[in-house]
C-alpha atoms as a PDB file:
ATOM      1  CA  MET A   1     175.945  62.248 127.293  1.00  0.00           C
ATOM      2  CA  ASP A   2     174.837  58.777 128.200  1.00  0.00           C
ATOM      3  CA  ARG A   3     178.298  56.793 128.297  1.00  0.00           C
ATOM      4  CA  LYS A   4     176.641  53.392 127.876  1.00  0.00           C
ATOM      5  CA  LYS A   5     177.372  51.914 124.553  1.00  0.00           C
ATOM      6  CA  ARG A   6     174.770  52.242 121.682  1.00  0.00           C
ATOM      7  CA  ALA A   7     174.598  50.202 118.382  1.00  0.00           C
ATOM      8  CA  LYS A   8     175.122  53.003 115.588  1.00  0.00           C
ATOM      9  CA  ALA A   9     172.022  53.499 113.467  1.00  0.00           C
ATOM     10  CA  SER A  10     171.577  50.792 110.732  1.00  0.00           C
ATOM     11  CA  LEU A  11     171.860  51.767 107.038  1.00  0.00           C
ATOM     12  CA  LYS A  12     168.334  50.277 106.526  1.00  0.00           C
ATOM     13  CA  ASP A  13     167.028  52.580 109.223  1.00  0.00           C
ATOM     14  CA  ILE A  14     167.843  55.716 107.501  1.00  0.00           C
ATOM     15  CA  CYS A  15     165.799  57.934 104.987  1.00  0.00           C
ATOM     16  CA  ALA A  16     168.151  60.465 103.217  1.00  0.00           C
ATOM     17  CA  VAL A  17     166.324  63.759 101.898  1.00  0.00           C
ATOM     18  CA  LEU A  18     167.905  66.706  99.768  1.00  0.00           C
ATOM     19  CA  CYS A  19     166.641  69.605  97.826  1.00  0.00           C
ATOM     20  CA  ASN A  20     166.997  69.896  94.061  1.00  0.00           C
ATOM     21  CA  TYR A  21     166.879  73.299  92.606  1.00  0.00           C
ATOM     22  CA  ALA A  22     169.454  74.797  90.409  1.00  0.00           C
ATOM     23  CA  ARG A  23     172.187  72.177  90.624  1.00  0.00           C
ATOM     24  CA  PRO A  24     170.693  69.041  89.009  1.00  0.00           C
ATOM     25  CA  LYS A  25     173.868  67.318  88.312  1.00  0.00           C
ATOM     26  CA  SER A  26     175.177  67.685  91.677  1.00  0.00           C
ATOM     27  CA  ALA A  27     172.084  66.664  93.030  1.00  0.00           C
ATOM     28  CA  ARG A  28     171.875  63.589  90.804  1.00  0.00           C
ATOM     29  CA  ALA A  29     175.484  62.828  91.981  1.00  0.00           C
ATOM     30  CA  CYS A  30     174.520  63.004  95.695  1.00  0.00           C
ATOM     31  CA  VAL A  31     171.849  60.748  95.319  1.00  0.00           C
ATOM     32  CA  LYS A  32     173.878  58.120  93.339  1.00  0.00           C
ATOM     33  CA  ARG A  33     176.577  58.525  96.238  1.00  0.00           C
ATOM     34  CA  LEU A  34     173.933  58.073  99.043  1.00  0.00           C
ATOM     35  CA  LEU A  35     172.517  54.882  97.199  1.00  0.00           C
ATOM     36  CA  LYS A  36     176.259  53.611  96.801  1.00  0.00           C
ATOM     37  CA  LEU A  37     176.719  54.097 100.515  1.00  0.00           C
ATOM     38  CA  GLY A  38     174.068  51.680 101.387  1.00  0.00           C
ATOM     39  CA  ILE A  39     171.038  54.169 101.987  1.00  0.00           C
ATOM     40  CA  THR A  40     168.046  52.460 100.503  1.00  0.00           C
ATOM     41  CA  GLU A  41     165.416  55.360 100.638  1.00  0.00           C
ATOM     42  CA  VAL A  42     166.345  58.825  99.262  1.00  0.00           C
ATOM     43  CA  ILE A  43     163.629  61.264  98.742  1.00  0.00           C
ATOM     44  CA  VAL A  44     164.198  64.550  96.719  1.00  0.00           C
ATOM     45  CA  TRP A  45     162.355  67.613  97.039  1.00  0.00           C
ATOM     46  CA  ASN A  46     162.345  69.225  93.571  1.00  0.00           C
ATOM     47  CA  ASN A  47     161.843  73.238  93.808  1.00  0.00           C
ATOM     48  CA  GLY A  48     160.177  73.508  90.412  1.00  0.00           C
ATOM     49  CA  THR A  49     162.705  71.391  88.576  1.00  0.00           C
ATOM     50  CA  LYS A  50     162.656  68.109  87.046  1.00  0.00           C
ATOM     51  CA  PRO A  51     163.045  65.088  89.383  1.00  0.00           C
ATOM     52  CA  ILE A  52     165.975  63.102  89.898  1.00  0.00           C
ATOM     53  CA  PRO A  53     165.496  59.628  88.020  1.00  0.00           C
ATOM     54  CA  GLU A  54     167.420  57.676  90.630  1.00  0.00           C
ATOM     55  CA  ALA A  55     165.763  58.857  93.728  1.00  0.00           C
ATOM     56  CA  THR A  56     163.486  56.305  95.499  1.00  0.00           C
ATOM     57  CA  LYS A  57     161.021  59.251  95.603  1.00  0.00           C
ATOM     58  CA  ASN A  58     160.478  62.636  93.994  1.00  0.00           C
ATOM     59  CA  ILE A  59     158.378  65.130  95.490  1.00  0.00           C
ATOM     60  CA  VAL A  60     157.849  67.984  92.832  1.00  0.00           C
ATOM     61  CA  ASN A  61     156.960  71.426  94.375  1.00  0.00           C
ATOM     62  CA  PRO A  62     155.650  73.772  91.581  1.00  0.00           C
ATOM     63  CA  GLU A  63     157.685  76.974  92.848  1.00  0.00           C
ATOM     64  CA  ASN A  64     160.871  77.058  94.802  1.00  0.00           C
ATOM     65  CA  ILE A  65     160.371  77.419  98.331  1.00  0.00           C
ATOM     66  CA  GLY A  66     163.958  77.338  99.091  1.00  0.00           C
ATOM     67  CA  PRO A  67     165.862  74.832 101.640  1.00  0.00           C
ATOM     68  CA  ILE A  68     162.593  74.333 103.883  1.00  0.00           C
ATOM     69  CA  GLY A  69     161.874  71.310 101.431  1.00  0.00           C
ATOM     70  CA  LYS A  70     164.552  69.467 103.193  1.00  0.00           C
ATOM     71  CA  HIS A  71     162.311  69.696 106.388  1.00  0.00           C
ATOM     72  CA  LEU A  72     159.269  68.748 104.594  1.00  0.00           C
ATOM     73  CA  GLY A  73     160.742  65.957 102.317  1.00  0.00           C
ATOM     74  CA  ALA A  74     160.713  62.806 104.508  1.00  0.00           C
ATOM     75  CA  LEU A  75     157.688  63.580 106.589  1.00  0.00           C
ATOM     76  CA  ASN A  76     156.005  60.360 105.124  1.00  0.00           C
ATOM     77  CA  THR A  77     158.958  57.852 105.786  1.00  0.00           C
ATOM     78  CA  THR A  78     158.634  55.052 108.222  1.00  0.00           C
ATOM     79  CA  LYS A  79     162.215  54.694 108.808  1.00  0.00           C
ATOM     80  CA  PRO A  80     163.521  55.870 112.344  1.00  0.00           C
ATOM     81  CA  TYR A  81     166.486  58.303 111.031  1.00  0.00           C
ATOM     82  CA  VAL A  82     166.617  61.119 108.564  1.00  0.00           C
ATOM     83  CA  LEU A  83     169.942  62.135 107.011  1.00  0.00           C
ATOM     84  CA  ILE A  84     169.580  65.319 105.503  1.00  0.00           C
ATOM     85  CA  ILE A  85     172.251  66.753 102.967  1.00  0.00           C
ATOM     86  CA  ASP A  86     172.616  69.615 100.365  1.00  0.00           C
ATOM     87  CA  ASP A  87     173.431  69.304  96.636  1.00  0.00           C
ATOM     88  CA  ASP A  88     176.969  70.783  96.831  1.00  0.00           C
ATOM     89  CA  TYR A  89     178.664  68.033  99.008  1.00  0.00           C
ATOM     90  CA  LEU A  90     179.097  64.501  98.643  1.00  0.00           C
ATOM     91  CA  LEU A  91     179.018  62.312 101.930  1.00  0.00           C
ATOM     92  CA  THR A  92     181.781  59.845 102.249  1.00  0.00           C
ATOM     93  CA  LYS A  93     181.661  56.523 104.096  1.00  0.00           C
ATOM     94  CA  SER A  94     183.811  58.199 106.873  1.00  0.00           C
ATOM     95  CA  GLY A  95     181.359  60.920 107.308  1.00  0.00           C
ATOM     96  CA  LEU A  96     178.351  58.722 107.298  1.00  0.00           C
ATOM     97  CA  ASP A  97     179.867  56.300 109.782  1.00  0.00           C
ATOM     98  CA  ALA A  98     180.308  59.172 112.034  1.00  0.00           C
ATOM     99  CA  LEU A  99     176.653  60.408 111.937  1.00  0.00           C
ATOM    100  CA  ARG A 100     175.338  56.770 112.495  1.00  0.00           C
ATOM    101  CA  LYS A 101     177.809  56.345 115.360  1.00  0.00           C
ATOM    102  CA  TRP A 102     176.886  59.591 117.329  1.00  0.00           C
ATOM    103  CA  VAL A 103     173.282  60.159 116.478  1.00  0.00           C
ATOM    104  CA  PRO A 104     171.963  58.000 119.345  1.00  0.00           C
ATOM    105  CA  TYR A 105     173.515  60.499 121.937  1.00  0.00           C
ATOM    106  CA  TYR A 106     172.544  63.879 120.706  1.00  0.00           C
ATOM    107  CA  PRO A 107     169.214  65.088 119.245  1.00  0.00           C
ATOM    108  CA  ALA A 108     170.953  65.908 115.825  1.00  0.00           C
ATOM    109  CA  VAL A 109     174.553  65.519 114.447  1.00  0.00           C
ATOM    110  CA  ALA A 110     176.252  67.134 111.735  1.00  0.00           C
ATOM    111  CA  GLN A 111     179.546  67.682 110.213  1.00  0.00           C
ATOM    112  CA  GLN A 112     179.235  71.501 110.556  1.00  0.00           C
ATOM    113  CA  GLY A 113     177.849  73.986 113.064  1.00  0.00           C
ATOM    114  CA  SER A 114     178.512  76.944 115.197  1.00  0.00           C
ATOM    115  CA  ARG A 115     178.448  78.304 118.755  1.00  0.00           C
ATOM    116  CA  PHE A 116     177.256  81.936 119.022  1.00  0.00           C
ATOM    117  CA  LYS A 117     179.130  84.455 121.126  1.00  0.00           C
ATOM    118  CA  PRO A 118     177.243  86.874 123.438  1.00  0.00           C
ATOM    119  CA  PRO A 119     175.267  89.118 123.292  1.00  0.00           C
ATOM    120  CA  PHE A 120     173.810  86.950 120.462  1.00  0.00           C
ATOM    121  CA  LYS A 121     172.724  89.861 118.204  1.00  0.00           C
ATOM    122  CA  GLN A 122     175.221  89.173 115.039  1.00  0.00           C
ATOM    123  CA  TYR A 123     175.087  85.936 112.971  1.00  0.00           C
ATOM    124  CA  GLY A 124     178.914  86.396 112.266  1.00  0.00           C
ATOM    125  CA  LYS A 125     179.881  86.486 115.902  1.00  0.00           C
ATOM    126  CA  ARG A 126     180.273  82.527 116.369  1.00  0.00           C
ATOM    127  CA  ASP A 127     183.008  79.919 116.579  1.00  0.00           C
ATOM    128  CA  LEU A 128     182.768  77.351 113.500  1.00  0.00           C
ATOM    129  CA  TYR A 129     183.064  73.658 114.236  1.00  0.00           C
ATOM    130  CA  LEU A 130     184.023  71.384 111.353  1.00  0.00           C
ATOM    131  CA  SER A 131     184.073  67.529 111.601  1.00  0.00           C
ATOM    132  CA  GLN A 132     187.605  67.240 110.172  1.00  0.00           C
ATOM    133  CA  LYS A 133     188.781  69.604 113.013  1.00  0.00           C
ATOM    134  CA  VAL A 134     187.370  68.273 116.143  1.00  0.00           C
ATOM    135  CA  LYS A 135     188.548  65.116 117.989  1.00  0.00           C
ATOM    136  CA  SER A 136     185.334  64.463 119.783  1.00  0.00           C
ATOM    137  CA  PRO A 137     181.678  65.658 119.561  1.00  0.00           C
ATOM    138  CA  GLN A 138     181.231  69.183 120.163  1.00  0.00           C
ATOM    139  CA  LYS A 139     177.875  70.642 121.422  1.00  0.00           C
ATOM    140  CA  VAL A 140     176.801  73.823 118.911  1.00  0.00           C
ATOM    141  CA  ASP A 141     173.923  76.176 118.853  1.00  0.00           C
ATOM    142  CA  LEU A 142     173.519  75.950 115.046  1.00  0.00           C
ATOM    143  CA  VAL A 143     173.872  72.676 112.875  1.00  0.00           C
ATOM    144  CA  MET A 144     174.239  73.028 109.388  1.00  0.00           C
ATOM    145  CA  PRO A 145     172.986  70.157 106.899  1.00  0.00           C
ATOM    146  CA  ASN A 146     175.073  71.148 103.778  1.00  0.00           C
ATOM    147  CA  LYS A 147     177.740  68.282 104.695  1.00  0.00           C
ATOM    148  CA  GLY A 148     175.374  65.999 106.222  1.00  0.00           C
ATOM    149  CA  MET A 149     173.164  66.074 109.410  1.00  0.00           C
ATOM    150  CA  MET A 150     171.339  63.000 110.766  1.00  0.00           C
ATOM    151  CA  LEU A 151     168.455  63.153 113.713  1.00  0.00           C
ATOM    152  CA  ARG A 152     165.549  60.917 114.610  1.00  0.00           C
ATOM    153  CA  THR A 153     162.464  60.970 112.426  1.00  0.00           C
ATOM    154  CA  ASP A 154     160.124  61.403 115.382  1.00  0.00           C
ATOM    155  CA  LEU A 155     161.926  64.651 115.965  1.00  0.00           C
ATOM    156  CA  TYR A 156     162.256  65.645 112.390  1.00  0.00           C
ATOM    157  CA  LYS A 157     158.573  65.388 111.905  1.00  0.00           C
ATOM    158  CA  LEU A 158     157.951  68.131 114.831  1.00  0.00           C
ATOM    159  CA  ILE A 159     160.397  70.627 113.162  1.00  0.00           C
ATOM    160  CA  PRO A 160     158.143  71.980 110.396  1.00  0.00           C
ATOM    161  CA  ASP A 161     155.251  73.000 112.630  1.00  0.00           C
ATOM    162  CA  HIS A 162     157.567  74.709 115.397  1.00  0.00           C
ATOM    163  CA  TRP A 163     157.105  77.972 116.378  1.00  0.00           C
ATOM    164  CA  ALA A 164     160.723  79.023 115.510  1.00  0.00           C
ATOM    165  CA  TRP A 165     159.593  79.421 111.879  1.00  0.00           C
ATOM    166  CA  GLY A 166     157.925  82.632 112.937  1.00  0.00           C
ATOM    167  CA  ALA A 167     161.157  84.037 112.858  1.00  0.00           C
ATOM    168  CA  LEU A 168     161.046  83.940 108.882  1.00  0.00           C
ATOM    169  CA  LYS A 169     158.721  87.066 108.926  1.00  0.00           C
ATOM    170  CA  VAL A 170     161.519  89.394 109.639  1.00  0.00           C
ATOM    171  CA  LEU A 171     163.322  88.494 106.411  1.00  0.00           C
ATOM    172  CA  SER A 172     163.299  90.591 103.418  1.00  0.00           C
ATOM    173  CA  PRO A 173     161.220  89.345 100.300  1.00  0.00           C
ATOM    174  CA  LYS A 174     162.720  86.465  98.404  1.00  0.00           C
ATOM    175  CA  ILE A 175     165.482  85.681 101.013  1.00  0.00           C
ATOM    176  CA  PHE A 176     165.726  81.731 102.041  1.00  0.00           C
ATOM    177  CA  THR A 177     167.295  80.735 105.361  1.00  0.00           C
ATOM    178  CA  THR A 178     166.187  77.747 107.536  1.00  0.00           C
ATOM    179  CA  ASP A 179     169.171  76.595 109.420  1.00  0.00           C
ATOM    180  CA  LEU A 180     168.739  78.980 112.476  1.00  0.00           C
ATOM    181  CA  SER A 181     165.010  77.995 112.682  1.00  0.00           C
ATOM    182  CA  ALA A 182     165.482  74.400 112.440  1.00  0.00           C
ATOM    183  CA  SER A 183     168.323  74.430 114.981  1.00  0.00           C
ATOM    184  CA  CYS A 184     166.426  76.403 117.475  1.00  0.00           C
ATOM    185  CA  ALA A 185     163.430  73.778 117.044  1.00  0.00           C
ATOM    186  CA  ILE A 186     165.709  70.983 117.775  1.00  0.00           C
ATOM    187  CA  TRP A 187     167.011  72.502 120.808  1.00  0.00           C
ATOM    188  CA  ASP A 188     163.386  73.710 122.073  1.00  0.00           C
ATOM    189  CA  LEU A 189     161.754  70.309 121.329  1.00  0.00           C
ATOM    190  CA  THR A 190     164.612  68.432 123.211  1.00  0.00           C
ATOM    191  CA  LYS A 191     166.106  70.940 125.567  1.00  0.00           C
ATOM    192  CA  LYS A 192     169.459  69.522 124.548  1.00  0.00           C
ATOM    193  CA  HIS A 193     172.012  70.930 122.024  1.00  0.00           C
ATOM    194  CA  PRO A 194     172.854  69.273 118.830  1.00  0.00           C
ATOM    195  CA  ALA A 195     176.593  68.458 117.921  1.00  0.00           C
ATOM    196  CA  VAL A 196     179.264  68.483 115.463  1.00  0.00           C
ATOM    197  CA  VAL A 197     181.052  65.028 115.614  1.00  0.00           C
ATOM    198  CA  PRO A 198     184.463  64.048 114.386  1.00  0.00           C
ATOM    199  CA  ALA A 199     185.221  62.433 110.657  1.00  0.00           C
ATOM    200  CA  ALA A 200     188.793  62.832 109.012  1.00  0.00           C
ATOM    201  CA  ASN A 201     187.345  62.971 105.601  1.00  0.00           C
ATOM    202  CA  GLY A 202     183.642  62.944 106.071  1.00  0.00           C
ATOM    203  CA  PHE A 203     182.651  65.020 102.797  1.00  0.00           C
ATOM    204  CA  GLU A 204     183.781  65.898  99.405  1.00  0.00           C
ATOM    205  CA  PRO A 205     183.084  69.407  97.652  1.00  0.00           C
ATOM    206  CA  LEU A 206     181.166  69.614  93.939  1.00  0.00           C
ATOM    207  CA  PRO A 207     182.021  72.227  91.656  1.00  0.00           C
ATOM    208  CA  ASP A 208     179.220  74.606  92.061  1.00  0.00           C
ATOM    209  CA  GLU A 209     176.846  74.477  88.981  1.00  0.00           C
ATOM    210  CA  ALA A 210     174.933  77.708  89.673  1.00  0.00           C
ATOM    211  CA  PRO A 211     177.440  80.061  91.924  1.00  0.00           C
ATOM    212  CA  LYS A 212     175.331  83.205  91.267  1.00  0.00           C
ATOM    213  CA  LYS A 213     172.172  81.262  92.874  1.00  0.00           C
ATOM    214  CA  ALA A 214     173.796  79.940  96.050  1.00  0.00           C
ATOM    215  CA  LEU A 215     172.015  80.939  99.227  1.00  0.00           C
ATOM    216  CA  ARG A 216     175.251  82.398 100.474  1.00  0.00           C
ATOM    217  CA  ARG A 217     175.153  84.885  97.898  1.00  0.00           C
ATOM    218  CA  GLN A 218     171.738  86.397  98.576  1.00  0.00           C
ATOM    219  CA  LYS A 219     172.119  90.025  99.227  1.00  0.00           C
ATOM    220  CA  ASN A 220     172.996  91.086 102.842  1.00  0.00           C
ATOM    221  CA  ILE A 221     172.623  87.424 103.907  1.00  0.00           C
ATOM    222  CA  PHE A 222     174.551  88.091 107.162  1.00  0.00           C
ATOM    223  CA  HIS A 223     172.299  90.951 107.979  1.00  0.00           C
ATOM    224  CA  GLU A 224     169.210  89.042 107.347  1.00  0.00           C
ATOM    225  CA  LYS A 225     170.211  85.982 109.349  1.00  0.00           C
ATOM    226  CA  SER A 226     171.377  88.413 112.335  1.00  0.00           C
ATOM    227  CA  LYS A 227     167.519  89.611 112.039  1.00  0.00           C
ATOM    228  CA  VAL A 228     166.468  85.762 112.651  1.00  0.00           C
ATOM    229  CA  LEU A 229     168.861  85.217 115.198  1.00  0.00           C
ATOM    230  CA  ARG A 230     167.754  88.108 117.114  1.00  0.00           C
ATOM    231  CA  TRP A 231     164.000  87.173 116.671  1.00  0.00           C
ATOM    232  CA  LEU A 232     164.610  83.546 117.932  1.00  0.00           C
ATOM    233  CA  VAL A 233     166.798  84.648 121.004  1.00  0.00           C
ATOM    234  CA  ALA A 234     164.201  87.044 122.046  1.00  0.00           C
ATOM    235  CA  HIS A 235     161.516  84.332 121.733  1.00  0.00           C
ATOM    236  CA  GLY A 236     163.540  81.853 124.027  1.00  0.00           C
ATOM    237  CA  TRP A 237     166.284  80.045 122.295  1.00  0.00           C
ATOM    238  CA  LYS A 238     169.079  79.601 124.796  1.00  0.00           C
ATOM    239  CA  MET A 239     172.624  79.672 123.748  1.00  0.00           C
ATOM    240  CA  ILE A 240     175.469  77.284 124.939  1.00  0.00           C
ATOM    241  CA  ASN A 241     177.451  80.462 125.901  1.00  0.00           C
ATOM    242  CA  ALA A 242     174.478  82.140 127.675  1.00  0.00           C
ATOM    243  CA  LYS A 243     175.541  81.084 131.285  1.00  0.00           C
ATOM    244  CA  GLU A 244     178.894  82.400 130.791  1.00  0.00           C
ATOM    245  CA  SER A 245     177.545  85.643 129.317  1.00  0.00           C
ATOM    246  CA  LYS A 246     175.470  86.162 132.727  1.00  0.00           C
ATOM    247  CA  VAL A 247     178.424  85.554 134.758  1.00  0.00           C
ATOM    248  CA  LYS A 248     180.396  88.155 132.974  1.00  0.00           C
ATOM    249  CA  VAL A 249     177.392  90.720 133.382  1.00  0.00           C
ATOM    250  CA  LYS A 250     177.120  90.197 137.020  1.00  0.00           C
ATOM    251  CA  ARG A 251     180.764  91.060 137.575  1.00  0.00           C
END
């Protein structure tokens, strides 16, 4: 990491984006919180549902395409940074400040992520990192935007066209998952790993309006994510622990 001191991302330079599908009350609360925190541009990708009145821009898609909308929503912004968040957590000032502080140093920063363990075949074989449990930034393979993730807009705009989305062809019908492909794209485009950054109280959970529709409740979702993980690794995604794995094999 470049140790030279850099100014944190300015609030006026950030565009926030989230999806709206089955939790309109929560999505609206998220938008209101982002505006209260000083974000001046909040774009909502609406998956076949009514738009959010407080959003500075609503994009209405006629059908539900899942969380990939998060990676399409802010393609037209002119702001230098994009903040992605889900509709089941409220970002706090502490969390936003942490993302703003560390985003100049990493290709993407988030409040939750994972490092996978070799041989990189099972999604569940990983170490989880959370912002409230790390004392310094921790490089990870997978960054998850559910509690907030920030990256440069010029990088953000390259992700939807990246080859990593080809992994989705191995999924069963009607299954949605995007974090693996997006994280692979971030690494491949920069050859640097994203990071989970420290924040004591960076987010607040919201009551789930639609627990049965939660992505984590999709049938056999860990098995489906494992298929995506294997596809991406086979096509060149390099994990942080890959070198360690090679050393162990030689021994």
